[in-house]
């Protein structure tokens, strides 16, 4: 099983973590939630918002390409990069991944600033 490294996030995972046994065939979001990392997922993993946006720092090329719908939503994500994905849509394959959870979501950016 591949490992999923989560870089430190001030609220959700202050120390960062390594999930050694990330199951293939599950979305990054589901694996994070299953390991008590409470990433926001306002649409309940249905690819209808951007709150579960992550930046894949290592292993991006191992992921299936984003759908057109995901790409359209990502255009609205806070802090978008060329390796951004919606974690509810990015399914773990056989390669190790390193991800960063952005400091803000579009919800937080509009509610808190």
C-alpha atoms as a PDB file:
ATOM      1  CA  UNK A   1       0.000   0.000   0.000  1.00  0.00           C
ATOM      2  CA  UNK A   2       1.271   3.475  -0.783  1.00  0.00           C
ATOM      3  CA  UNK A   3       1.910   6.060   1.884  1.00  0.00           C
ATOM      4  CA  UNK A   4       0.144   9.406   2.055  1.00  0.00           C
ATOM      5  CA  UNK A   5       2.201  12.195   3.597  1.00  0.00           C
ATOM      6  CA  UNK A   6       0.224  15.194   4.812  1.00  0.00           C
ATOM      7  CA  UNK A   7       2.239  18.370   5.285  1.00  0.00           C
ATOM      8  CA  UNK A   8       1.527  20.410   8.434  1.00  0.00           C
ATOM      9  CA  UNK A   9      -1.672  22.479   8.450  1.00  0.00           C
ATOM     10  CA  UNK A  10      -2.211  24.923  11.340  1.00  0.00           C
ATOM     11  CA  UNK A  11      -5.653  23.627  12.348  1.00  0.00           C
ATOM     12  CA  UNK A  12      -6.289  20.265  10.694  1.00  0.00           C
ATOM     13  CA  UNK A  13      -2.928  18.554  11.141  1.00  0.00           C
ATOM     14  CA  UNK A  14      -0.455  20.840  12.979  1.00  0.00           C
ATOM     15  CA  UNK A  15       2.406  18.353  13.051  1.00  0.00           C
ATOM     16  CA  UNK A  16       1.724  16.815   9.657  1.00  0.00           C
ATOM     17  CA  UNK A  17       1.401  13.048   9.425  1.00  0.00           C
ATOM     18  CA  UNK A  18       2.256  10.016   7.356  1.00  0.00           C
ATOM     19  CA  UNK A  19      -0.461   7.478   6.641  1.00  0.00           C
ATOM     20  CA  UNK A  20       1.587   4.355   5.937  1.00  0.00           C
ATOM     21  CA  UNK A  21      -1.262   2.170   4.727  1.00  0.00           C
ATOM     22  CA  UNK A  22      -3.268   4.401   2.392  1.00  0.00           C
ATOM     23  CA  UNK A  23      -5.634   2.037   0.582  1.00  0.00           C
ATOM     24  CA  UNK A  24      -5.606   2.122  -3.192  1.00  0.00           C
ATOM     25  CA  UNK A  25      -8.921   2.862  -4.857  1.00  0.00           C
ATOM     26  CA  UNK A  26     -10.038   5.345  -2.163  1.00  0.00           C
ATOM     27  CA  UNK A  27     -10.098   9.099  -2.554  1.00  0.00           C
ATOM     28  CA  UNK A  28      -7.564  11.226  -0.708  1.00  0.00           C
ATOM     29  CA  UNK A  29     -10.447  12.919   1.110  1.00  0.00           C
ATOM     30  CA  UNK A  30     -11.912   9.629   2.360  1.00  0.00           C
ATOM     31  CA  UNK A  31      -8.499   8.473   3.593  1.00  0.00           C
ATOM     32  CA  UNK A  32      -7.918  11.773   5.413  1.00  0.00           C
ATOM     33  CA  UNK A  33     -11.318  11.581   7.088  1.00  0.00           C
ATOM     34  CA  UNK A  34     -10.766   7.922   8.007  1.00  0.00           C
ATOM     35  CA  UNK A  35      -7.556   9.018   9.784  1.00  0.00           C
ATOM     36  CA  UNK A  36      -9.244  11.832  11.753  1.00  0.00           C
ATOM     37  CA  UNK A  37      -7.986  14.675   9.579  1.00  0.00           C
ATOM     38  CA  UNK A  38     -11.175  16.689   9.313  1.00  0.00           C
ATOM     39  CA  UNK A  39     -10.704  18.274   5.898  1.00  0.00           C
ATOM     40  CA  UNK A  40     -13.696  20.335   4.884  1.00  0.00           C
ATOM     41  CA  UNK A  41     -16.007  18.583   2.433  1.00  0.00           C
ATOM     42  CA  UNK A  42     -19.145  20.690   2.177  1.00  0.00           C
ATOM     43  CA  UNK A  43     -20.683  18.726  -0.700  1.00  0.00           C
ATOM     44  CA  UNK A  44     -20.163  15.345   1.005  1.00  0.00           C
ATOM     45  CA  UNK A  45     -17.621  14.131  -1.587  1.00  0.00           C
ATOM     46  CA  UNK A  46     -19.875  14.668  -4.610  1.00  0.00           C
ATOM     47  CA  UNK A  47     -17.615  16.976  -6.671  1.00  0.00           C
ATOM     48  CA  UNK A  48     -19.889  19.971  -6.246  1.00  0.00           C
ATOM     49  CA  UNK A  49     -17.652  22.432  -4.345  1.00  0.00           C
ATOM     50  CA  UNK A  50     -13.962  23.212  -3.748  1.00  0.00           C
ATOM     51  CA  UNK A  51     -13.719  22.862   0.026  1.00  0.00           C
ATOM     52  CA  UNK A  52     -11.630  19.655  -0.120  1.00  0.00           C
ATOM     53  CA  UNK A  53      -9.002  21.202  -2.419  1.00  0.00           C
ATOM     54  CA  UNK A  54      -5.466  19.896  -1.870  1.00  0.00           C
ATOM     55  CA  UNK A  55      -2.138  20.527  -3.549  1.00  0.00           C
ATOM     56  CA  UNK A  56      -0.324  17.344  -4.526  1.00  0.00           C
ATOM     57  CA  UNK A  57       3.358  18.112  -3.865  1.00  0.00           C
ATOM     58  CA  UNK A  58       4.655  14.643  -4.818  1.00  0.00           C
ATOM     59  CA  UNK A  59       3.057  11.873  -6.851  1.00  0.00           C
ATOM     60  CA  UNK A  60       0.716  14.049  -8.913  1.00  0.00           C
ATOM     61  CA  UNK A  61       1.414  12.153 -12.129  1.00  0.00           C
ATOM     62  CA  UNK A  62       0.254   8.882 -10.539  1.00  0.00           C
ATOM     63  CA  UNK A  63      -3.318  10.195 -10.234  1.00  0.00           C
ATOM     64  CA  UNK A  64      -5.956   9.799 -12.922  1.00  0.00           C
ATOM     65  CA  UNK A  65      -6.614  13.042 -14.788  1.00  0.00           C
ATOM     66  CA  UNK A  66      -9.227  15.374 -13.384  1.00  0.00           C
ATOM     67  CA  UNK A  67     -12.653  15.346 -15.038  1.00  0.00           C
ATOM     68  CA  UNK A  68     -13.934  18.450 -16.818  1.00  0.00           C
ATOM     69  CA  UNK A  69     -16.314  19.045 -13.910  1.00  0.00           C
ATOM     70  CA  UNK A  70     -13.471  18.884 -11.394  1.00  0.00           C
ATOM     71  CA  UNK A  71     -11.354  21.222 -13.532  1.00  0.00           C
ATOM     72  CA  UNK A  72     -14.213  23.734 -13.703  1.00  0.00           C
ATOM     73  CA  UNK A  73     -14.581  23.660  -9.922  1.00  0.00           C
ATOM     74  CA  UNK A  74     -10.840  23.924  -9.326  1.00  0.00           C
ATOM     75  CA  UNK A  75     -10.853  27.208 -11.238  1.00  0.00           C
ATOM     76  CA  UNK A  76     -12.752  28.617  -8.233  1.00  0.00           C
ATOM     77  CA  UNK A  77     -10.467  27.165  -5.526  1.00  0.00           C
ATOM     78  CA  UNK A  78      -8.452  29.389  -3.217  1.00  0.00           C
ATOM     79  CA  UNK A  79      -4.705  29.051  -3.831  1.00  0.00           C
ATOM     80  CA  UNK A  80      -4.993  27.041  -7.053  1.00  0.00           C
ATOM     81  CA  UNK A  81      -1.752  25.531  -8.410  1.00  0.00           C
ATOM     82  CA  UNK A  82      -0.891  23.338 -11.380  1.00  0.00           C
ATOM     83  CA  UNK A  83      -0.966  20.304  -9.061  1.00  0.00           C
ATOM     84  CA  UNK A  84      -4.253  21.118  -7.324  1.00  0.00           C
ATOM     85  CA  UNK A  85      -6.946  18.464  -7.037  1.00  0.00           C
ATOM     86  CA  UNK A  86     -10.242  18.051  -5.263  1.00  0.00           C
ATOM     87  CA  UNK A  87      -9.355  15.409  -2.712  1.00  0.00           C
ATOM     88  CA  UNK A  88     -12.800  13.811  -3.067  1.00  0.00           C
ATOM     89  CA  UNK A  89     -11.997  13.041  -6.715  1.00  0.00           C
ATOM     90  CA  UNK A  90      -8.291  12.157  -6.541  1.00  0.00           C
ATOM     91  CA  UNK A  91      -8.126   8.387  -6.078  1.00  0.00           C
ATOM     92  CA  UNK A  92      -4.982   6.871  -4.599  1.00  0.00           C
ATOM     93  CA  UNK A  93      -3.225   4.410  -6.879  1.00  0.00           C
ATOM     94  CA  UNK A  94       0.074   2.578  -6.278  1.00  0.00           C
ATOM     95  CA  UNK A  95       2.404   5.553  -5.770  1.00  0.00           C
ATOM     96  CA  UNK A  96       3.234   7.461  -2.607  1.00  0.00           C
ATOM     97  CA  UNK A  97       1.685  10.927  -2.388  1.00  0.00           C
ATOM     98  CA  UNK A  98       2.583  14.080  -0.492  1.00  0.00           C
ATOM     99  CA  UNK A  99      -0.192  16.617  -0.124  1.00  0.00           C
ATOM    100  CA  UNK A 100      -0.670  20.064   1.290  1.00  0.00           C
ATOM    101  CA  UNK A 101      -4.037  21.217   2.554  1.00  0.00           C
ATOM    102  CA  UNK A 102      -4.326  24.930   1.732  1.00  0.00           C
ATOM    103  CA  UNK A 103      -4.692  27.299   4.666  1.00  0.00           C
ATOM    104  CA  UNK A 104      -8.065  28.498   3.412  1.00  0.00           C
ATOM    105  CA  UNK A 105     -11.008  27.188   1.453  1.00  0.00           C
ATOM    106  CA  UNK A 106     -13.256  29.426  -0.570  1.00  0.00           C
ATOM    107  CA  UNK A 107     -15.692  29.211   2.374  1.00  0.00           C
ATOM    108  CA  UNK A 108     -13.099  30.376   4.906  1.00  0.00           C
ATOM    109  CA  UNK A 109     -11.727  33.069   2.636  1.00  0.00           C
ATOM    110  CA  UNK A 110     -15.158  34.655   2.265  1.00  0.00           C
ATOM    111  CA  UNK A 111     -16.371  34.073   5.827  1.00  0.00           C
ATOM    112  CA  UNK A 112     -13.267  35.098   7.748  1.00  0.00           C
ATOM    113  CA  UNK A 113     -11.869  37.981   5.701  1.00  0.00           C
END
